[in-house]
Amino acid sequence: MVHLWSSCRSYFDDSILYIYDGGWCKLIFKRLLTIKNILKKYNPIIKLFLILCLGIVLLSLYYIINPTDGDFFPECPIHKFTGIYCPGCGSQRTLHFLLHFDLYNALKYNPLTVILSPFLMYISSVMIYNFIFNKQCRVKILYNNTFVIFFFSMILIYTILRNIPCKPFCYLAPSF
């Protein structure tokens, strides 16, 4: 038996395993379900299912658990080590309050995330579509140099303004 297996050559042919030895073929498995073959045949469906499951789990975690109450979600490392509010500080709490349709508290923690959330959702949906269906659709505005310079300069200005500790700018900092 060991000699038979050592002299046989095995190979995959459309997810069916054949053992070939000098002219005879024997069908070992009618269907060999491997992750590679599943992803090859049902690639878009499985990718969509996995992304939906991951999205539902993450959004339900942010809906159920308030990031201000517990230590379940990580702190911002930039604020933790430097004391400076980055442009994303407060965005986890903003997401929690947006999922609860509490716009006032969402704006208190990170107004930039609230303002950019429709744009970010559109970009994310295009990226997910490209990932699932192996397409190359682009958001054309992201390839415009003027827009990119404007966008990153606005984020830089927002970061500088939210770290100024005087009266009108302190409202941009997340209220802890």
C-alpha atoms as a PDB file:
ATOM      1  CA  MET A   1       0.000   0.000   0.000  1.00  0.00           C
ATOM      2  CA  VAL A   2       2.825   2.388   0.837  1.00  0.00           C
ATOM      3  CA  HIS A   3       4.513   1.494  -2.443  1.00  0.00           C
ATOM      4  CA  LEU A   4       1.286   2.190  -4.347  1.00  0.00           C
ATOM      5  CA  TRP A   5       0.892   5.613  -2.768  1.00  0.00           C
ATOM      6  CA  SER A   6       4.523   6.510  -3.269  1.00  0.00           C
ATOM      7  CA  SER A   7       4.414   5.588  -6.958  1.00  0.00           C
ATOM      8  CA  CYS A   8       1.180   7.448  -7.619  1.00  0.00           C
ATOM      9  CA  ARG A   9       1.080  11.052  -8.633  1.00  0.00           C
ATOM     10  CA  SER A  10      -1.795  13.118  -7.303  1.00  0.00           C
ATOM     11  CA  TYR A  11      -2.977  16.342  -8.780  1.00  0.00           C
ATOM     12  CA  PHE A  12      -6.009  18.607  -8.708  1.00  0.00           C
ATOM     13  CA  ASP A  13      -8.195  18.897 -11.775  1.00  0.00           C
ATOM     14  CA  ASP A  14     -11.166  21.220 -11.242  1.00  0.00           C
ATOM     15  CA  SER A  15     -11.536  20.350  -7.552  1.00  0.00           C
ATOM     16  CA  ILE A  16     -11.551  16.596  -8.230  1.00  0.00           C
ATOM     17  CA  LEU A  17      -8.614  14.555  -6.966  1.00  0.00           C
ATOM     18  CA  TYR A  18      -7.362  11.872  -9.321  1.00  0.00           C
ATOM     19  CA  ILE A  19      -4.673   9.336  -8.575  1.00  0.00           C
ATOM     20  CA  TYR A  20      -2.816   8.428 -11.736  1.00  0.00           C
ATOM     21  CA  ASP A  21      -0.581   5.383 -11.955  1.00  0.00           C
ATOM     22  CA  GLY A  22       0.536   4.185 -15.399  1.00  0.00           C
ATOM     23  CA  GLY A  23      -2.732   4.556 -17.314  1.00  0.00           C
ATOM     24  CA  TRP A  24      -5.541   4.110 -14.793  1.00  0.00           C
ATOM     25  CA  CYS A  25      -7.485   6.895 -13.102  1.00  0.00           C
ATOM     26  CA  LYS A  26      -9.372   6.408  -9.936  1.00  0.00           C
ATOM     27  CA  LEU A  27     -11.777   9.010  -8.671  1.00  0.00           C
ATOM     28  CA  ILE A  28     -11.026   9.471  -4.975  1.00  0.00           C
ATOM     29  CA  PHE A  29     -13.349  12.344  -4.115  1.00  0.00           C
ATOM     30  CA  LYS A  30     -16.249  13.517  -6.209  1.00  0.00           C
ATOM     31  CA  ARG A  31     -15.846  17.015  -4.863  1.00  0.00           C
ATOM     32  CA  LEU A  32     -12.938  18.185  -2.810  1.00  0.00           C
ATOM     33  CA  LEU A  33     -14.068  21.308  -1.021  1.00  0.00           C
ATOM     34  CA  THR A  34     -11.082  23.400  -0.207  1.00  0.00           C
ATOM     35  CA  ILE A  35     -11.057  27.064   0.658  1.00  0.00           C
ATOM     36  CA  LYS A  36      -9.247  27.820  -2.573  1.00  0.00           C
ATOM     37  CA  ASN A  37     -11.872  26.114  -4.710  1.00  0.00           C
ATOM     38  CA  ILE A  38     -14.752  27.647  -2.769  1.00  0.00           C
ATOM     39  CA  LEU A  39     -13.265  31.121  -3.193  1.00  0.00           C
ATOM     40  CA  LYS A  40     -12.626  30.420  -6.871  1.00  0.00           C
ATOM     41  CA  LYS A  41     -16.207  29.424  -7.672  1.00  0.00           C
ATOM     42  CA  TYR A  42     -18.166  31.494  -5.166  1.00  0.00           C
ATOM     43  CA  ASN A  43     -15.724  34.325  -4.786  1.00  0.00           C
ATOM     44  CA  PRO A  44     -18.112  37.334  -4.920  1.00  0.00           C
ATOM     45  CA  ILE A  45     -20.785  35.689  -2.793  1.00  0.00           C
ATOM     46  CA  ILE A  46     -18.388  34.609  -0.062  1.00  0.00           C
ATOM     47  CA  LYS A  47     -16.572  37.941  -0.043  1.00  0.00           C
ATOM     48  CA  LEU A  48     -19.900  39.768   0.259  1.00  0.00           C
ATOM     49  CA  PHE A  49     -21.026  37.436   3.047  1.00  0.00           C
ATOM     50  CA  LEU A  50     -17.773  37.869   4.986  1.00  0.00           C
ATOM     51  CA  ILE A  51     -17.824  41.656   4.634  1.00  0.00           C
ATOM     52  CA  LEU A  52     -21.473  41.809   5.703  1.00  0.00           C
ATOM     53  CA  CYS A  53     -20.791  39.589   8.720  1.00  0.00           C
ATOM     54  CA  LEU A  54     -17.780  41.659   9.741  1.00  0.00           C
ATOM     55  CA  GLY A  55     -19.704  44.907   9.251  1.00  0.00           C
ATOM     56  CA  ILE A  56     -22.698  43.678  11.252  1.00  0.00           C
ATOM     57  CA  VAL A  57     -20.478  42.491  14.101  1.00  0.00           C
ATOM     58  CA  LEU A  58     -18.490  45.749  14.259  1.00  0.00           C
ATOM     59  CA  LEU A  59     -21.531  47.997  13.973  1.00  0.00           C
ATOM     60  CA  SER A  60     -23.402  46.014  16.633  1.00  0.00           C
ATOM     61  CA  LEU A  61     -20.403  46.309  18.944  1.00  0.00           C
ATOM     62  CA  TYR A  62     -20.354  50.082  18.439  1.00  0.00           C
ATOM     63  CA  TYR A  63     -24.133  50.223  18.892  1.00  0.00           C
ATOM     64  CA  ILE A  64     -24.184  48.173  22.099  1.00  0.00           C
ATOM     65  CA  ILE A  65     -20.967  49.274  23.811  1.00  0.00           C
ATOM     66  CA  ASN A  66     -20.418  52.966  24.455  1.00  0.00           C
ATOM     67  CA  PRO A  67     -16.688  53.699  24.000  1.00  0.00           C
ATOM     68  CA  THR A  68     -16.816  56.332  26.765  1.00  0.00           C
ATOM     69  CA  ASP A  69     -17.997  53.852  29.383  1.00  0.00           C
ATOM     70  CA  GLY A  70     -15.547  50.997  29.092  1.00  0.00           C
ATOM     71  CA  ASP A  71     -12.072  49.967  28.149  1.00  0.00           C
ATOM     72  CA  PHE A  72     -13.226  47.591  25.401  1.00  0.00           C
ATOM     73  CA  PHE A  73     -12.145  49.839  22.518  1.00  0.00           C
ATOM     74  CA  PRO A  74      -8.556  51.093  22.243  1.00  0.00           C
ATOM     75  CA  GLU A  75      -7.543  54.645  23.071  1.00  0.00           C
ATOM     76  CA  CYS A  76      -6.031  56.942  20.499  1.00  0.00           C
ATOM     77  CA  PRO A  77      -2.275  56.297  20.722  1.00  0.00           C
ATOM     78  CA  ILE A  78      -1.405  59.823  19.570  1.00  0.00           C
ATOM     79  CA  HIS A  79      -3.480  61.403  22.334  1.00  0.00           C
ATOM     80  CA  LYS A  80      -2.312  58.860  24.897  1.00  0.00           C
ATOM     81  CA  PHE A  81       1.405  59.489  24.327  1.00  0.00           C
ATOM     82  CA  THR A  82       1.493  63.143  23.228  1.00  0.00           C
ATOM     83  CA  GLY A  83      -1.716  64.708  24.565  1.00  0.00           C
ATOM     84  CA  ILE A  84      -2.518  66.070  21.099  1.00  0.00           C
ATOM     85  CA  TYR A  85      -5.925  65.420  19.584  1.00  0.00           C
ATOM     86  CA  CYS A  86      -5.525  63.823  16.151  1.00  0.00           C
ATOM     87  CA  PRO A  87      -8.239  64.271  13.485  1.00  0.00           C
ATOM     88  CA  GLY A  88      -9.708  60.893  14.431  1.00  0.00           C
ATOM     89  CA  CYS A  89      -9.915  61.421  18.194  1.00  0.00           C
ATOM     90  CA  GLY A  90     -13.485  60.863  19.291  1.00  0.00           C
ATOM     91  CA  SER A  91     -14.540  59.113  16.104  1.00  0.00           C
ATOM     92  CA  GLN A  92     -15.413  55.855  17.910  1.00  0.00           C
ATOM     93  CA  ARG A  93     -17.768  57.720  20.231  1.00  0.00           C
ATOM     94  CA  THR A  94     -19.089  59.669  17.239  1.00  0.00           C
ATOM     95  CA  LEU A  95     -19.886  56.397  15.473  1.00  0.00           C
ATOM     96  CA  HIS A  96     -21.661  55.115  18.584  1.00  0.00           C
ATOM     97  CA  PHE A  97     -23.835  58.219  18.801  1.00  0.00           C
ATOM     98  CA  LEU A  98     -24.501  58.269  15.042  1.00  0.00           C
ATOM     99  CA  LEU A  99     -25.766  54.694  15.263  1.00  0.00           C
ATOM    100  CA  HIS A 100     -28.139  55.902  17.993  1.00  0.00           C
ATOM    101  CA  PHE A 101     -29.177  58.894  15.808  1.00  0.00           C
ATOM    102  CA  ASP A 102     -27.869  61.325  18.446  1.00  0.00           C
ATOM    103  CA  LEU A 103     -26.408  64.009  16.202  1.00  0.00           C
ATOM    104  CA  TYR A 104     -25.732  66.520  18.992  1.00  0.00           C
ATOM    105  CA  ASN A 105     -23.429  64.190  20.962  1.00  0.00           C
ATOM    106  CA  ALA A 106     -21.838  62.925  17.755  1.00  0.00           C
ATOM    107  CA  LEU A 107     -20.924  66.515  16.835  1.00  0.00           C
ATOM    108  CA  LYS A 108     -19.505  67.069  20.334  1.00  0.00           C
ATOM    109  CA  TYR A 109     -16.953  64.296  19.945  1.00  0.00           C
ATOM    110  CA  ASN A 110     -15.785  64.706  16.345  1.00  0.00           C
ATOM    111  CA  PRO A 111     -17.555  67.120  13.974  1.00  0.00           C
ATOM    112  CA  LEU A 112     -15.224  66.252  11.094  1.00  0.00           C
ATOM    113  CA  THR A 113     -16.310  62.604  11.156  1.00  0.00           C
ATOM    114  CA  VAL A 114     -19.972  63.621  11.100  1.00  0.00           C
ATOM    115  CA  ILE A 115     -19.418  65.982   8.169  1.00  0.00           C
ATOM    116  CA  LEU A 116     -17.306  63.499   6.191  1.00  0.00           C
ATOM    117  CA  SER A 117     -19.324  60.351   6.983  1.00  0.00           C
ATOM    118  CA  PRO A 118     -21.418  60.366   3.741  1.00  0.00           C
ATOM    119  CA  PHE A 119     -18.246  60.836   1.694  1.00  0.00           C
ATOM    120  CA  LEU A 120     -16.412  58.129   3.648  1.00  0.00           C
ATOM    121  CA  MET A 121     -19.346  55.724   3.251  1.00  0.00           C
ATOM    122  CA  TYR A 122     -19.333  56.310  -0.519  1.00  0.00           C
ATOM    123  CA  ILE A 123     -15.574  55.704  -0.780  1.00  0.00           C
ATOM    124  CA  SER A 124     -15.872  52.592   1.385  1.00  0.00           C
ATOM    125  CA  SER A 125     -18.713  51.194  -0.714  1.00  0.00           C
ATOM    126  CA  VAL A 126     -16.701  51.697  -3.923  1.00  0.00           C
ATOM    127  CA  MET A 127     -13.692  49.966  -2.341  1.00  0.00           C
ATOM    128  CA  ILE A 128     -15.846  47.058  -1.134  1.00  0.00           C
ATOM    129  CA  TYR A 129     -17.425  46.766  -4.595  1.00  0.00           C
ATOM    130  CA  ASN A 130     -13.952  46.652  -6.166  1.00  0.00           C
ATOM    131  CA  PHE A 131     -12.821  44.013  -3.681  1.00  0.00           C
ATOM    132  CA  ILE A 132     -15.852  41.765  -4.128  1.00  0.00           C
ATOM    133  CA  PHE A 133     -16.115  41.852  -7.906  1.00  0.00           C
ATOM    134  CA  ASN A 134     -12.408  42.376  -8.753  1.00  0.00           C
ATOM    135  CA  LYS A 135     -13.163  45.654 -10.528  1.00  0.00           C
ATOM    136  CA  GLN A 136     -11.139  48.841 -10.794  1.00  0.00           C
ATOM    137  CA  CYS A 137     -13.829  51.498 -10.331  1.00  0.00           C
ATOM    138  CA  ARG A 138     -12.376  54.756  -9.081  1.00  0.00           C
ATOM    139  CA  VAL A 139     -13.670  57.742  -7.214  1.00  0.00           C
ATOM    140  CA  LYS A 140     -12.377  60.317  -9.677  1.00  0.00           C
ATOM    141  CA  ILE A 141     -12.236  63.169  -7.207  1.00  0.00           C
ATOM    142  CA  LEU A 142      -9.595  61.279  -5.205  1.00  0.00           C
ATOM    143  CA  TYR A 143      -7.273  61.431  -8.226  1.00  0.00           C
ATOM    144  CA  ASN A 144      -7.589  65.196  -8.570  1.00  0.00           C
ATOM    145  CA  ASN A 145      -4.441  66.821  -7.135  1.00  0.00           C
ATOM    146  CA  THR A 146      -6.247  70.007  -6.168  1.00  0.00           C
ATOM    147  CA  PHE A 147      -8.850  68.097  -4.170  1.00  0.00           C
ATOM    148  CA  VAL A 148      -6.238  65.952  -2.415  1.00  0.00           C
ATOM    149  CA  ILE A 149      -4.184  68.997  -1.398  1.00  0.00           C
ATOM    150  CA  PHE A 150      -7.343  70.804  -0.249  1.00  0.00           C
ATOM    151  CA  PHE A 151      -8.601  67.769   1.683  1.00  0.00           C
ATOM    152  CA  PHE A 152      -5.371  67.125   3.569  1.00  0.00           C
ATOM    153  CA  SER A 153      -4.806  70.827   4.263  1.00  0.00           C
ATOM    154  CA  MET A 154      -8.327  71.027   5.743  1.00  0.00           C
ATOM    155  CA  ILE A 155      -7.576  68.013   7.956  1.00  0.00           C
ATOM    156  CA  LEU A 156      -4.285  69.632   9.043  1.00  0.00           C
ATOM    157  CA  ILE A 157      -6.043  72.932   9.834  1.00  0.00           C
ATOM    158  CA  TYR A 158      -8.749  71.034  11.743  1.00  0.00           C
ATOM    159  CA  THR A 159      -6.080  69.216  13.761  1.00  0.00           C
ATOM    160  CA  ILE A 160      -4.305  72.460  14.640  1.00  0.00           C
ATOM    161  CA  LEU A 161      -7.531  74.270  15.538  1.00  0.00           C
ATOM    162  CA  ARG A 162      -8.889  71.511  17.767  1.00  0.00           C
ATOM    163  CA  ASN A 163      -5.677  71.604  19.846  1.00  0.00           C
ATOM    164  CA  ILE A 164      -5.873  75.348  20.606  1.00  0.00           C
ATOM    165  CA  PRO A 165      -7.141  75.603  24.192  1.00  0.00           C
ATOM    166  CA  CYS A 166      -9.091  78.867  23.884  1.00  0.00           C
ATOM    167  CA  LYS A 167     -12.844  79.370  23.795  1.00  0.00           C
ATOM    168  CA  PRO A 168     -14.108  78.984  20.226  1.00  0.00           C
ATOM    169  CA  PHE A 169     -11.654  76.230  19.290  1.00  0.00           C
ATOM    170  CA  CYS A 170     -12.068  74.102  22.395  1.00  0.00           C
ATOM    171  CA  TYR A 171     -15.456  72.988  21.018  1.00  0.00           C
ATOM    172  CA  LEU A 172     -13.635  71.080  18.274  1.00  0.00           C
ATOM    173  CA  ALA A 173     -11.820  68.919  20.837  1.00  0.00           C
ATOM    174  CA  PRO A 174     -13.655  65.771  21.924  1.00  0.00           C
ATOM    175  CA  SER A 175     -15.465  66.392  25.170  1.00  0.00           C
ATOM    176  CA  PHE A 176     -14.410  63.647  27.550  1.00  0.00           C
END
